[in-house]
Structure formats: structure tokens, C-alpha cells
PDB file of N, CA and C in Angstrom:
ATOM      1  N   UNK A   1      94.557 103.505 129.282  1.00  0.00           N
ATOM      2  CA  UNK A   1      94.471 104.948 129.348  1.00  0.00           C
ATOM      3  C   UNK A   1      95.664 105.606 128.657  1.00  0.00           C
ATOM      4  N   UNK A   2      96.856 104.996 128.796  1.00  0.00           N
ATOM      5  CA  UNK A   2      98.039 105.550 128.138  1.00  0.00           C
ATOM      6  C   UNK A   2      97.903 105.506 126.621  1.00  0.00           C
ATOM      7  N   UNK A   3      97.291 104.440 126.122  1.00  0.00           N
ATOM      8  CA  UNK A   3      97.107 104.312 124.676  1.00  0.00           C
ATOM      9  C   UNK A   3      96.161 105.395 124.176  1.00  0.00           C
ATOM     10  N   UNK A   4      95.107 105.639 124.921  1.00  0.00           N
ATOM     11  CA  UNK A   4      94.149 106.673 124.533  1.00  0.00           C
ATOM     12  C   UNK A   4      94.804 108.056 124.538  1.00  0.00           C
ATOM     13  N   UNK A   5      95.589 108.328 125.555  1.00  0.00           N
ATOM     14  CA  UNK A   5      96.291 109.611 125.631  1.00  0.00           C
ATOM     15  C   UNK A   5      97.262 109.773 124.472  1.00  0.00           C
ATOM     16  N   UNK A   6      98.011 108.726 124.171  1.00  0.00           N
ATOM     17  CA  UNK A   6      98.954 108.766 123.051  1.00  0.00           C
ATOM     18  C   UNK A   6      98.218 108.979 121.739  1.00  0.00           C
ATOM     19  N   UNK A   7      97.116 108.285 121.557  1.00  0.00           N
ATOM     20  CA  UNK A   7      96.324 108.434 120.334  1.00  0.00           C
ATOM     21  C   UNK A   7      95.802 109.864 120.193  1.00  0.00           C
ATOM     22  N   UNK A   8      95.316 110.431 121.274  1.00  0.00           N
ATOM     23  CA  UNK A   8      94.823 111.811 121.232  1.00  0.00           C
ATOM     24  C   UNK A   8      95.954 112.774 120.881  1.00  0.00           C
ATOM     25  N   UNK A   9      97.134 112.581 121.470  1.00  0.00           N
ATOM     26  CA  UNK A   9      98.267 113.460 121.178  1.00  0.00           C
ATOM     27  C   UNK A   9      98.726 113.340 119.729  1.00  0.00           C
ATOM     28  N   UNK A  10      98.722 112.126 119.186  1.00  0.00           N
ATOM     29  CA  UNK A  10      99.125 111.936 117.787  1.00  0.00           C
ATOM     30  C   UNK A  10      98.123 112.606 116.851  1.00  0.00           C
ATOM     31  N   UNK A  11      96.841 112.416 117.111  1.00  0.00           N
ATOM     32  CA  UNK A  11      95.813 113.049 116.277  1.00  0.00           C
ATOM     33  C   UNK A  11      95.910 114.568 116.385  1.00  0.00           C
ATOM     34  N   UNK A  12      96.142 115.075 117.572  1.00  0.00           N
ATOM     35  CA  UNK A  12      96.286 116.510 117.788  1.00  0.00           C
ATOM     36  C   UNK A  12      97.500 117.045 117.034  1.00  0.00           C
ATOM     37  N   UNK A  13      98.600 116.303 117.052  1.00  0.00           N
ATOM     38  CA  UNK A  13      99.804 116.711 116.332  1.00  0.00           C
ATOM     39  C   UNK A  13      99.549 116.752 114.825  1.00  0.00           C
ATOM     40  N   UNK A  14      98.885 115.738 114.296  1.00  0.00           N
ATOM     41  CA  UNK A  14      98.591 115.693 112.858  1.00  0.00           C
ATOM     42  C   UNK A  14      97.653 116.839 112.473  1.00  0.00           C
ATOM     43  N   UNK A  15      96.636 117.074 113.270  1.00  0.00           N
ATOM     44  CA  UNK A  15      95.718 118.177 112.986  1.00  0.00           C
ATOM     45  C   UNK A  15      96.442 119.521 113.077  1.00  0.00           C
ATOM     46  N   UNK A  16      97.316 119.673 114.039  1.00  0.00           N
ATOM     47  CA  UNK A  16      98.102 120.895 114.166  1.00  0.00           C
ATOM     48  C   UNK A  16      98.990 121.123 112.959  1.00  0.00           C
ATOM     49  N   UNK A  17      99.590 120.048 112.433  1.00  0.00           N
ATOM     50  CA  UNK A  17     100.388 120.167 111.213  1.00  0.00           C
ATOM     51  C   UNK A  17      99.527 120.656 110.058  1.00  0.00           C
ATOM     52  N   UNK A  18      98.336 120.113 109.967  1.00  0.00           N
ATOM     53  CA  UNK A  18      97.420 120.526 108.897  1.00  0.00           C
ATOM     54  C   UNK A  18      97.113 122.024 109.012  1.00  0.00           C
ATOM     55  N   UNK A  19      96.828 122.479 110.210  1.00  0.00           N
ATOM     56  CA  UNK A  19      96.510 123.894 110.420  1.00  0.00           C
ATOM     57  C   UNK A  19      97.715 124.777 110.106  1.00  0.00           C
ATOM     58  N   UNK A  20      98.887 124.380 110.575  1.00  0.00           N
ATOM     59  CA  UNK A  20     100.092 125.197 110.378  1.00  0.00           C
ATOM     60  C   UNK A  20     100.453 125.305 108.900  1.00  0.00           C
ATOM     61  N   UNK A  21     100.517 124.172 108.223  1.00  0.00           N
ATOM     62  CA  UNK A  21     101.000 124.177 106.843  1.00  0.00           C
ATOM     63  C   UNK A  21      99.928 124.579 105.838  1.00  0.00           C
ATOM     64  N   UNK A  22      98.681 124.635 106.263  1.00  0.00           N
ATOM     65  CA  UNK A  22      97.624 125.074 105.355  1.00  0.00           C
ATOM     66  C   UNK A  22      97.795 126.551 105.021  1.00  0.00           C
ATOM     67  N   UNK A  23      98.254 127.337 105.969  1.00  0.00           N
ATOM     68  CA  UNK A  23      98.368 128.777 105.764  1.00  0.00           C
ATOM     69  C   UNK A  23      99.737 129.219 105.274  1.00  0.00           C
ATOM     70  N   UNK A  24     100.708 128.327 105.248  1.00  0.00           N
ATOM     71  CA  UNK A  24     102.094 128.655 104.858  1.00  0.00           C
ATOM     72  C   UNK A  24     102.574 129.907 105.575  1.00  0.00           C
ATOM     73  N   UNK A  25     102.374 131.070 105.017  1.00  0.00           N
ATOM     74  CA  UNK A  25     102.759 132.312 105.690  1.00  0.00           C
ATOM     75  C   UNK A  25     101.474 133.109 105.926  1.00  0.00           C
ATOM     76  N   UNK A  26     101.027 133.147 107.166  1.00  0.00           N
ATOM     77  CA  UNK A  26      99.768 133.850 107.432  1.00  0.00           C
ATOM     78  C   UNK A  26      99.975 135.360 107.451  1.00  0.00           C
ATOM     79  N   UNK A  27      98.888 136.053 107.501  1.00  0.00           N
ATOM     80  CA  UNK A  27      98.945 137.506 107.648  1.00  0.00           C
ATOM     81  C   UNK A  27      99.367 137.818 109.078  1.00  0.00           C
ATOM     82  N   UNK A  28     100.386 138.657 109.209  1.00  0.00           N
ATOM     83  CA  UNK A  28     100.884 139.013 110.539  1.00  0.00           C
ATOM     84  C   UNK A  28     100.225 140.278 111.080  1.00  0.00           C
ATOM     85  N   UNK A  29      99.387 140.878 110.295  1.00  0.00           N
ATOM     86  CA  UNK A  29      98.698 142.112 110.685  1.00  0.00           C
ATOM     87  C   UNK A  29      97.197 141.850 110.743  1.00  0.00           C
ATOM     88  N   UNK A  30      96.554 142.381 111.756  1.00  0.00           N
ATOM     89  CA  UNK A  30      95.107 142.268 111.844  1.00  0.00           C
ATOM     90  C   UNK A  30      94.487 143.366 110.990  1.00  0.00           C
ATOM     91  N   UNK A  31      93.707 142.964 110.005  1.00  0.00           N
ATOM     92  CA  UNK A  31      93.075 143.939 109.115  1.00  0.00           C
ATOM     93  C   UNK A  31      91.617 144.137 109.503  1.00  0.00           C
ATOM     94  N   UNK A  32      91.059 145.247 109.076  1.00  0.00           N
ATOM     95  CA  UNK A  32      89.648 145.505 109.370  1.00  0.00           C
ATOM     96  C   UNK A  32      88.735 144.671 108.476  1.00  0.00           C
ATOM     97  N   UNK A  33      89.239 144.294 107.284  1.00  0.00           N
ATOM     98  CA  UNK A  33      88.426 143.482 106.377  1.00  0.00           C
ATOM     99  C   UNK A  33      88.283 142.047 106.879  1.00  0.00           C
ATOM    100  N   UNK A  34      89.348 141.512 107.484  1.00  0.00           N
ATOM    101  CA  UNK A  34      89.334 140.122 107.950  1.00  0.00           C
ATOM    102  C   UNK A  34      90.023 140.045 109.318  1.00  0.00           C
ATOM    103  N   UNK A  35      89.346 140.506 110.370  1.00  0.00           N
ATOM    104  CA  UNK A  35      89.995 140.590 111.685  1.00  0.00           C
ATOM    105  C   UNK A  35      90.211 139.238 112.364  1.00  0.00           C
ATOM    106  N   UNK A  36      89.617 138.174 111.838  1.00  0.00           N
ATOM    107  CA  UNK A  36      89.729 136.855 112.465  1.00  0.00           C
ATOM    108  C   UNK A  36      90.967 136.078 112.021  1.00  0.00           C
ATOM    109  N   UNK A  37      91.472 136.347 110.826  1.00  0.00           N
ATOM    110  CA  UNK A  37      92.541 135.521 110.249  1.00  0.00           C
ATOM    111  C   UNK A  37      93.874 136.266 110.227  1.00  0.00           C
ATOM    112  N   UNK A  38      94.607 136.158 111.317  1.00  0.00           N
ATOM    113  CA  UNK A  38      95.950 136.712 111.405  1.00  0.00           C
ATOM    114  C   UNK A  38      96.664 135.992 112.541  1.00  0.00           C
ATOM    115  N   UNK A  39      97.966 136.122 112.583  1.00  0.00           N
ATOM    116  CA  UNK A  39      98.751 135.442 113.609  1.00  0.00           C
ATOM    117  C   UNK A  39      99.997 136.273 113.911  1.00  0.00           C
ATOM    118  N   UNK A  40     100.359 136.342 115.165  1.00  0.00           N
ATOM    119  CA  UNK A  40     101.586 137.023 115.548  1.00  0.00           C
ATOM    120  C   UNK A  40     102.768 136.242 114.984  1.00  0.00           C
ATOM    121  N   UNK A  41     103.736 136.940 114.410  1.00  0.00           N
ATOM    122  CA  UNK A  41     104.859 136.281 113.750  1.00  0.00           C
ATOM    123  C   UNK A  41     105.636 135.389 114.719  1.00  0.00           C
ATOM    124  N   UNK A  42     105.875 135.856 115.932  1.00  0.00           N
ATOM    125  CA  UNK A  42     106.624 135.059 116.904  1.00  0.00           C
ATOM    126  C   UNK A  42     105.923 133.740 117.226  1.00  0.00           C
ATOM    127  N   UNK A  43     104.614 133.777 117.351  1.00  0.00           N
ATOM    128  CA  UNK A  43     103.851 132.561 117.646  1.00  0.00           C
ATOM    129  C   UNK A  43     103.963 131.584 116.485  1.00  0.00           C
ATOM    130  N   UNK A  44     103.825 132.083 115.263  1.00  0.00           N
ATOM    131  CA  UNK A  44     103.889 131.210 114.092  1.00  0.00           C
ATOM    132  C   UNK A  44     105.279 130.587 113.940  1.00  0.00           C
ATOM    133  N   UNK A  45     106.326 131.376 114.115  1.00  0.00           N
ATOM    134  CA  UNK A  45     107.695 130.857 113.988  1.00  0.00           C
ATOM    135  C   UNK A  45     107.979 129.843 115.091  1.00  0.00           C
ATOM    136  N   UNK A  46     107.549 130.124 116.310  1.00  0.00           N
ATOM    137  CA  UNK A  46     107.735 129.179 117.410  1.00  0.00           C
ATOM    138  C   UNK A  46     107.013 127.864 117.128  1.00  0.00           C
ATOM    139  N   UNK A  47     105.845 127.947 116.534  1.00  0.00           N
ATOM    140  CA  UNK A  47     105.095 126.744 116.185  1.00  0.00           C
ATOM    141  C   UNK A  47     105.840 125.929 115.134  1.00  0.00           C
ATOM    142  N   UNK A  48     106.365 126.585 114.114  1.00  0.00           N
ATOM    143  CA  UNK A  48     107.134 125.868 113.093  1.00  0.00           C
ATOM    144  C   UNK A  48     108.373 125.208 113.689  1.00  0.00           C
ATOM    145  N   UNK A  49     109.061 125.906 114.580  1.00  0.00           N
ATOM    146  CA  UNK A  49     110.247 125.337 115.226  1.00  0.00           C
ATOM    147  C   UNK A  49     109.855 124.137 116.081  1.00  0.00           C
ATOM    148  N   UNK A  50     108.759 124.240 116.791  1.00  0.00           N
ATOM    149  CA  UNK A  50     108.288 123.144 117.634  1.00  0.00           C
ATOM    150  C   UNK A  50     107.964 121.902 116.806  1.00  0.00           C
ATOM    151  N   UNK A  51     107.300 122.089 115.684  1.00  0.00           N
ATOM    152  CA  UNK A  51     106.966 120.957 114.814  1.00  0.00           C
ATOM    153  C   UNK A  51     108.231 120.351 114.212  1.00  0.00           C
ATOM    154  N   UNK A  52     109.151 121.187 113.759  1.00  0.00           N
ATOM    155  CA  UNK A  52     110.406 120.683 113.191  1.00  0.00           C
ATOM    156  C   UNK A  52     111.204 119.914 114.239  1.00  0.00           C
ATOM    157  N   UNK A  53     111.230 120.419 115.470  1.00  0.00           N
ATOM    158  CA  UNK A  53     111.927 119.737 116.560  1.00  0.00           C
ATOM    159  C   UNK A  53     111.295 118.372 116.830  1.00  0.00           C
ATOM    160  N   UNK A  54     109.971 118.309 116.814  1.00  0.00           N
ATOM    161  CA  UNK A  54     109.281 117.038 117.042  1.00  0.00           C
ATOM    162  C   UNK A  54     109.613 116.042 115.945  1.00  0.00           C
ATOM    163  N   UNK A  55     109.582 116.482 114.678  1.00  0.00           N
ATOM    164  CA  UNK A  55     109.947 115.588 113.582  1.00  0.00           C
ATOM    165  C   UNK A  55     111.391 115.110 113.707  1.00  0.00           C
ATOM    166  N   UNK A  56     112.298 116.004 114.076  1.00  0.00           N
ATOM    167  CA  UNK A  56     113.707 115.625 114.228  1.00  0.00           C
ATOM    168  C   UNK A  56     113.878 114.617 115.358  1.00  0.00           C
ATOM    169  N   UNK A  57     113.186 114.822 116.457  1.00  0.00           N
ATOM    170  CA  UNK A  57     113.284 113.909 117.594  1.00  0.00           C
ATOM    171  C   UNK A  57     112.728 112.529 117.248  1.00  0.00           C
ATOM    172  N   UNK A  58     111.591 112.484 116.586  1.00  0.00           N
ATOM    173  CA  UNK A  58     111.010 111.199 116.183  1.00  0.00           C
ATOM    174  C   UNK A  58     111.927 110.494 115.190  1.00  0.00           C
ATOM    175  N   UNK A  59     112.482 111.232 114.237  1.00  0.00           N
ATOM    176  CA  UNK A  59     113.406 110.642 113.268  1.00  0.00           C
ATOM    177  C   UNK A  59     114.633 110.080 113.968  1.00  0.00           C
ATOM    178  N   UNK A  60     115.181 110.808 114.916  1.00  0.00           N
ATOM    179  CA  UNK A  60     116.344 110.336 115.662  1.00  0.00           C
ATOM    180  C   UNK A  60     116.016 109.067 116.445  1.00  0.00           C
ATOM    181  N   UNK A  61     114.858 109.026 117.072  1.00  0.00           N
ATOM    182  CA  UNK A  61     114.466 107.832 117.825  1.00  0.00           C
ATOM    183  C   UNK A  61     114.294 106.631 116.908  1.00  0.00           C
ATOM    184  N   UNK A  62     113.705 106.823 115.744  1.00  0.00           N
ATOM    185  CA  UNK A  62     113.538 105.722 114.789  1.00  0.00           C
ATOM    186  C   UNK A  62     114.896 105.231 114.298  1.00  0.00           C
ATOM    187  N   UNK A  63     115.817 106.142 114.013  1.00  0.00           N
ATOM    188  CA  UNK A  63     117.151 105.742 113.560  1.00  0.00           C
ATOM    189  C   UNK A  63     117.906 104.981 114.646  1.00  0.00           C
ATOM    190  N   UNK A  64     117.803 105.421 115.883  1.00  0.00           N
ATOM    191  CA  UNK A  64     118.451 104.704 116.985  1.00  0.00           C
ATOM    192  C   UNK A  64     117.842 103.318 117.144  1.00  0.00           C
ATOM    193  N   UNK A  65     116.531 103.221 117.071  1.00  0.00           N
ATOM    194  CA  UNK A  65     115.870 101.922 117.164  1.00  0.00           C
ATOM    195  C   UNK A  65     116.306 101.004 116.028  1.00  0.00           C
ATOM    196  N   UNK A  66     116.378 101.529 114.824  1.00  0.00           N
ATOM    197  CA  UNK A  66     116.823 100.744 113.674  1.00  0.00           C
ATOM    198  C   UNK A  66     118.258 100.265 113.866  1.00  0.00           C
ATOM    199  N   UNK A  67     119.125 101.125 114.374  1.00  0.00           N
ATOM    200  CA  UNK A  67     120.513 100.752 114.634  1.00  0.00           C
ATOM    201  C   UNK A  67     120.592  99.632 115.666  1.00  0.00           C
ATOM    202  N   UNK A  68     119.823  99.736 116.739  1.00  0.00           N
ATOM    203  CA  UNK A  68     119.839  98.706 117.784  1.00  0.00           C
ATOM    204  C   UNK A  68     119.318  97.382 117.240  1.00  0.00           C
ATOM    205  N   UNK A  69     118.235  97.414 116.483  1.00  0.00           N
ATOM    206  CA  UNK A  69     117.675  96.182 115.920  1.00  0.00           C
ATOM    207  C   UNK A  69     118.667  95.527 114.969  1.00  0.00           C
ATOM    208  N   UNK A  70     119.294  96.305 114.106  1.00  0.00           N
ATOM    209  CA  UNK A  70     120.282  95.746 113.172  1.00  0.00           C
ATOM    210  C   UNK A  70     121.483  95.179 113.916  1.00  0.00           C
ATOM    211  N   UNK A  71     121.947  95.866 114.942  1.00  0.00           N
ATOM    212  CA  UNK A  71     123.090  95.384 115.715  1.00  0.00           C
ATOM    213  C   UNK A  71     122.768  94.058 116.392  1.00  0.00           C
ATOM    214  N   UNK A  72     121.618  93.963 117.021  1.00  0.00           N
ATOM    215  CA  UNK A  72     121.225  92.716 117.684  1.00  0.00           C
ATOM    216  C   UNK A  72     121.058  91.604 116.663  1.00  0.00           C
ATOM    217  N   UNK A  73     120.448  91.900 115.537  1.00  0.00           N
ATOM    218  CA  UNK A  73     120.249  90.882 114.499  1.00  0.00           C
ATOM    219  C   UNK A  73     121.585  90.337 114.004  1.00  0.00           C
ATOM    220  N   UNK A  74     122.522  91.220 113.685  1.00  0.00           N
ATOM    221  CA  UNK A  74     123.808  90.758 113.162  1.00  0.00           C
ATOM    222  C   UNK A  74     124.632  90.043 114.220  1.00  0.00           C
ATOM    223  N   UNK A  75     124.526  90.435 115.480  1.00  0.00           N
ATOM    224  CA  UNK A  75     125.225  89.714 116.539  1.00  0.00           C
ATOM    225  C   UNK A  75     124.651  88.315 116.703  1.00  0.00           C
ATOM    226  N   UNK A  76     123.335  88.189 116.657  1.00  0.00           N
ATOM    227  CA  UNK A  76     122.715  86.865 116.755  1.00  0.00           C
ATOM    228  C   UNK A  76     123.078  86.007 115.553  1.00  0.00           C
ATOM    229  N   UNK A  77     123.119  86.606 114.382  1.00  0.00           N
ATOM    230  CA  UNK A  77     123.479  85.870 113.168  1.00  0.00           C
ATOM    231  C   UNK A  77     124.920  85.375 113.254  1.00  0.00           C
ATOM    232  N   UNK A  78     125.819  86.233 113.697  1.00  0.00           N
ATOM    233  CA  UNK A  78     127.225  85.856 113.840  1.00  0.00           C
ATOM    234  C   UNK A  78     127.381  84.767 114.897  1.00  0.00           C
ATOM    235  N   UNK A  79     126.627  84.873 115.995  1.00  0.00           N
ATOM    236  CA  UNK A  79     126.683  83.867 117.051  1.00  0.00           C
ATOM    237  C   UNK A  79     126.171  82.522 116.538  1.00  0.00           C
ATOM    238  N   UNK A  80     125.112  82.530 115.733  1.00  0.00           N
ATOM    239  CA  UNK A  80     124.572  81.283 115.173  1.00  0.00           C
ATOM    240  C   UNK A  80     125.569  80.639 114.221  1.00  0.00           C
ATOM    241  N   UNK A  81     126.253  81.442 113.411  1.00  0.00           N
ATOM    242  CA  UNK A  81     127.267  80.902 112.495  1.00  0.00           C
ATOM    243  C   UNK A  81     128.419  80.299 113.288  1.00  0.00           C
ATOM    244  N   UNK A  82     128.835  80.969 114.348  1.00  0.00           N
ATOM    245  CA  UNK A  82     129.934  80.464 115.171  1.00  0.00           C
ATOM    246  C   UNK A  82     129.540  79.150 115.845  1.00  0.00           C
ATOM    247  N   UNK A  83     128.314  79.045 116.327  1.00  0.00           N
ATOM    248  CA  UNK A  83     127.856  77.796 116.938  1.00  0.00           C
ATOM    249  C   UNK A  83     127.804  76.672 115.911  1.00  0.00           C
ATOM    250  N   UNK A  84     127.386  76.979 114.690  1.00  0.00           N
ATOM    251  CA  UNK A  84     127.336  75.961 113.638  1.00  0.00           C
ATOM    252  C   UNK A  84     128.742  75.489 113.292  1.00  0.00           C
ATOM    253  N   UNK A  85     129.698  76.405 113.226  1.00  0.00           N
ATOM    254  CA  UNK A  85     131.087  76.023 112.949  1.00  0.00           C
ATOM    255  C   UNK A  85     131.652  75.176 114.078  1.00  0.00           C
ATOM    256  N   UNK A  86     131.343  75.519 115.321  1.00  0.00           N
ATOM    257  CA  UNK A  86     131.812  74.738 116.462  1.00  0.00           C
ATOM    258  C   UNK A  86     131.200  73.343 116.459  1.00  0.00           C
ATOM    259  N   UNK A  87     129.951  73.225 116.040  1.00  0.00           N
ATOM    260  CA  UNK A  87     129.289  71.919 115.993  1.00  0.00           C
ATOM    261  C   UNK A  87     129.908  71.042 114.908  1.00  0.00           C
ATOM    262  N   UNK A  88     130.309  71.643 113.797  1.00  0.00           N
ATOM    263  CA  UNK A  88     130.940  70.872 112.721  1.00  0.00           C
ATOM    264  C   UNK A  88     132.315  70.361 113.143  1.00  0.00           C
ATOM    265  N   UNK A  89     133.045  71.168 113.898  1.00  0.00           N
ATOM    266  CA  UNK A  89     134.396  70.788 114.321  1.00  0.00           C
ATOM    267  C   UNK A  89     134.362  69.697 115.377  1.00  0.00           C
ATOM    268  N   UNK A  90     133.320  69.620 116.156  1.00  0.00           N
ATOM    269  CA  UNK A  90     133.270  68.643 117.247  1.00  0.00           C
ATOM    270  C   UNK A  90     132.774  67.323 116.807  1.00  0.00           C
TER     271      UNK A  90
END
């Protein structure tokens, strides 16, 4: 169930990005010619900030994960070299 929920949220996020960036700067005024296509400026700006925050958070998490993986890898590599040197000396 958690996988399904995560998948739905990811698809929703991608679709939301498509909707947001498709319009770039929408009309902030409701016109009589096209009363369906407009958006309040505060809502649009808040949406852009929310998406940017999500991208920044995901990027930060990936960088932290990469740092941890590299640190563990190099520590294991150094430990293996030290064990090999100790085996040669004995």
C-alpha cells in the first residue's frame, strides 16, 4: 500500500509540474472572453515556491545519500587495504 501511495504522489507531482510550467505566467485577471483560464497570482507563486522547495529537498537528500555511500565505500576500501597490509606483515 505504501508503494502505491508513493507512486500516486510521484505521478501527481509530475503532472502538477506539467500543469504549472505549461502556462509559464498565466493570466491573473478573469476576462469575459475566457473566464475559465486565469489564476490568482498568490496561488501561482505559492505553487512555484512549493515545487522549487520539493526539488531542493529531493536534491539535498540525494546528495546526502551519495555522501554517505561514498564515505562507507572509501572506509571499507581503506579497511581492506589495511587488512591486506597486516596479512603481508604477519
